[in-house]
């Protein structure tokens, strides 16, 4: 996940993400909206949100998606961070 200044200055903040399959191929990209956050326009940004996301992702055992023929929307599982609600 990554965040630029424009995404950090939104309420709630947004993070760009890329999900991969087991072979390292990009299978999904998008913006993750981090609820309960507010804009941070400081010269030196608050790192606590990034550090929390990093520590959370470090605890996960699943880091990529697998093919799922039963998922007609994406064709993949939804196990790695961020876990998405697709519309």
C-alpha atoms as a PDB file:
ATOM      1  CA  UNK A   1       0.000   0.000   0.000  1.00  0.00           C
ATOM      2  CA  UNK A   2       1.126   3.542  -0.661  1.00  0.00           C
ATOM      3  CA  UNK A   3      -0.175   7.019   0.016  1.00  0.00           C
ATOM      4  CA  UNK A   4       0.579  10.356  -1.611  1.00  0.00           C
ATOM      5  CA  UNK A   5      -0.017  13.825  -0.160  1.00  0.00           C
ATOM      6  CA  UNK A   6      -3.366  14.204  -1.922  1.00  0.00           C
ATOM      7  CA  UNK A   7      -4.674  10.938  -0.438  1.00  0.00           C
ATOM      8  CA  UNK A   8      -3.340  11.864   3.017  1.00  0.00           C
ATOM      9  CA  UNK A   9      -5.108  15.240   2.915  1.00  0.00           C
ATOM     10  CA  UNK A  10      -8.563  13.675   2.431  1.00  0.00           C
ATOM     11  CA  UNK A  11     -11.054  12.820   5.159  1.00  0.00           C
ATOM     12  CA  UNK A  12     -11.093   9.880   5.489  1.00  0.00           C
ATOM     13  CA  UNK A  13      -7.584   9.189   4.241  1.00  0.00           C
ATOM     14  CA  UNK A  14      -7.043   6.928   1.241  1.00  0.00           C
ATOM     15  CA  UNK A  15      -4.312   4.428   0.424  1.00  0.00           C
ATOM     16  CA  UNK A  16      -3.542   2.975  -3.017  1.00  0.00           C
ATOM     17  CA  UNK A  17      -3.146  -0.800  -3.055  1.00  0.00           C
ATOM     18  CA  UNK A  18      -2.136  -3.609  -5.384  1.00  0.00           C
ATOM     19  CA  UNK A  19      -3.108  -7.233  -4.771  1.00  0.00           C
ATOM     20  CA  UNK A  20      -0.997 -10.040  -6.242  1.00  0.00           C
ATOM     21  CA  UNK A  21      -1.367 -13.718  -7.036  1.00  0.00           C
ATOM     22  CA  UNK A  22       1.113 -16.407  -5.932  1.00  0.00           C
ATOM     23  CA  UNK A  23       3.291 -15.741  -9.003  1.00  0.00           C
ATOM     24  CA  UNK A  24       3.638 -12.035  -8.182  1.00  0.00           C
ATOM     25  CA  UNK A  25       1.299 -10.862 -10.925  1.00  0.00           C
ATOM     26  CA  UNK A  26      -0.824  -7.812 -10.232  1.00  0.00           C
ATOM     27  CA  UNK A  27      -4.467  -8.941 -10.144  1.00  0.00           C
ATOM     28  CA  UNK A  28      -6.261  -5.985  -8.565  1.00  0.00           C
ATOM     29  CA  UNK A  29      -5.587  -2.307  -7.848  1.00  0.00           C
ATOM     30  CA  UNK A  30      -7.648   0.341  -6.128  1.00  0.00           C
ATOM     31  CA  UNK A  31      -8.006   2.825  -3.297  1.00  0.00           C
ATOM     32  CA  UNK A  32      -8.540   1.663   0.259  1.00  0.00           C
ATOM     33  CA  UNK A  33     -10.491   4.158   2.381  1.00  0.00           C
ATOM     34  CA  UNK A  34      -9.161   4.132   5.931  1.00  0.00           C
ATOM     35  CA  UNK A  35     -12.188   5.074   8.031  1.00  0.00           C
ATOM     36  CA  UNK A  36     -11.829   6.934  11.328  1.00  0.00           C
ATOM     37  CA  UNK A  37      -8.997   9.038   9.887  1.00  0.00           C
ATOM     38  CA  UNK A  38      -8.904  12.705   9.059  1.00  0.00           C
ATOM     39  CA  UNK A  39      -6.826  14.837   6.736  1.00  0.00           C
ATOM     40  CA  UNK A  40      -3.183  15.345   7.702  1.00  0.00           C
ATOM     41  CA  UNK A  41      -1.682  18.417   6.020  1.00  0.00           C
ATOM     42  CA  UNK A  42       1.383  18.597   8.270  1.00  0.00           C
ATOM     43  CA  UNK A  43       4.803  19.138   6.714  1.00  0.00           C
ATOM     44  CA  UNK A  44       5.977  15.999   8.523  1.00  0.00           C
ATOM     45  CA  UNK A  45       3.042  13.565   8.271  1.00  0.00           C
ATOM     46  CA  UNK A  46       1.760  11.558  11.216  1.00  0.00           C
ATOM     47  CA  UNK A  47       3.264   8.093  10.766  1.00  0.00           C
ATOM     48  CA  UNK A  48       1.060   6.298  13.290  1.00  0.00           C
ATOM     49  CA  UNK A  49      -1.545   5.247  10.714  1.00  0.00           C
ATOM     50  CA  UNK A  50       1.082   3.810   8.365  1.00  0.00           C
ATOM     51  CA  UNK A  51       2.812   2.069  11.251  1.00  0.00           C
ATOM     52  CA  UNK A  52      -0.493   0.526  12.378  1.00  0.00           C
ATOM     53  CA  UNK A  53      -1.253  -0.737   8.863  1.00  0.00           C
ATOM     54  CA  UNK A  54       2.259  -2.185   8.616  1.00  0.00           C
ATOM     55  CA  UNK A  55       2.067  -3.952  11.980  1.00  0.00           C
ATOM     56  CA  UNK A  56      -1.372  -5.337  11.090  1.00  0.00           C
ATOM     57  CA  UNK A  57      -0.207  -6.642   7.720  1.00  0.00           C
ATOM     58  CA  UNK A  58       2.854  -8.219   9.362  1.00  0.00           C
ATOM     59  CA  UNK A  59       0.542 -10.452  11.429  1.00  0.00           C
ATOM     60  CA  UNK A  60      -1.276 -11.853   8.387  1.00  0.00           C
ATOM     61  CA  UNK A  61      -0.251 -15.238   7.086  1.00  0.00           C
ATOM     62  CA  UNK A  62      -1.873 -14.821   3.658  1.00  0.00           C
ATOM     63  CA  UNK A  63      -0.099 -12.303   1.433  1.00  0.00           C
ATOM     64  CA  UNK A  64      -1.562 -13.097  -1.997  1.00  0.00           C
ATOM     65  CA  UNK A  65      -4.808 -14.162  -3.597  1.00  0.00           C
ATOM     66  CA  UNK A  66      -5.681 -17.498  -5.199  1.00  0.00           C
ATOM     67  CA  UNK A  67      -7.944 -18.207  -8.162  1.00  0.00           C
ATOM     68  CA  UNK A  68     -11.554 -18.751  -7.127  1.00  0.00           C
ATOM     69  CA  UNK A  69     -13.792 -19.837  -9.996  1.00  0.00           C
ATOM     70  CA  UNK A  70     -16.855 -19.371  -7.784  1.00  0.00           C
ATOM     71  CA  UNK A  71     -16.207 -15.614  -7.447  1.00  0.00           C
ATOM     72  CA  UNK A  72     -17.834 -14.195 -10.564  1.00  0.00           C
ATOM     73  CA  UNK A  73     -16.797 -10.600  -9.779  1.00  0.00           C
ATOM     74  CA  UNK A  74     -12.996 -10.888  -9.526  1.00  0.00           C
ATOM     75  CA  UNK A  75     -12.187 -14.578  -9.955  1.00  0.00           C
ATOM     76  CA  UNK A  76      -9.921 -14.487  -6.886  1.00  0.00           C
ATOM     77  CA  UNK A  77     -10.118 -14.971  -3.126  1.00  0.00           C
ATOM     78  CA  UNK A  78     -10.258 -11.953  -0.802  1.00  0.00           C
ATOM     79  CA  UNK A  79      -7.824 -12.967   1.944  1.00  0.00           C
ATOM     80  CA  UNK A  80      -4.876 -10.538   1.767  1.00  0.00           C
ATOM     81  CA  UNK A  81      -4.808  -6.973   3.043  1.00  0.00           C
ATOM     82  CA  UNK A  82      -6.894  -4.968   2.368  1.00  0.00           C
ATOM     83  CA  UNK A  83      -9.906  -7.216   2.629  1.00  0.00           C
ATOM     84  CA  UNK A  84     -12.402  -5.582   0.338  1.00  0.00           C
ATOM     85  CA  UNK A  85     -16.090  -5.045   0.077  1.00  0.00           C
ATOM     86  CA  UNK A  86     -16.634  -4.810  -3.651  1.00  0.00           C
ATOM     87  CA  UNK A  87     -19.639  -3.073  -5.126  1.00  0.00           C
END
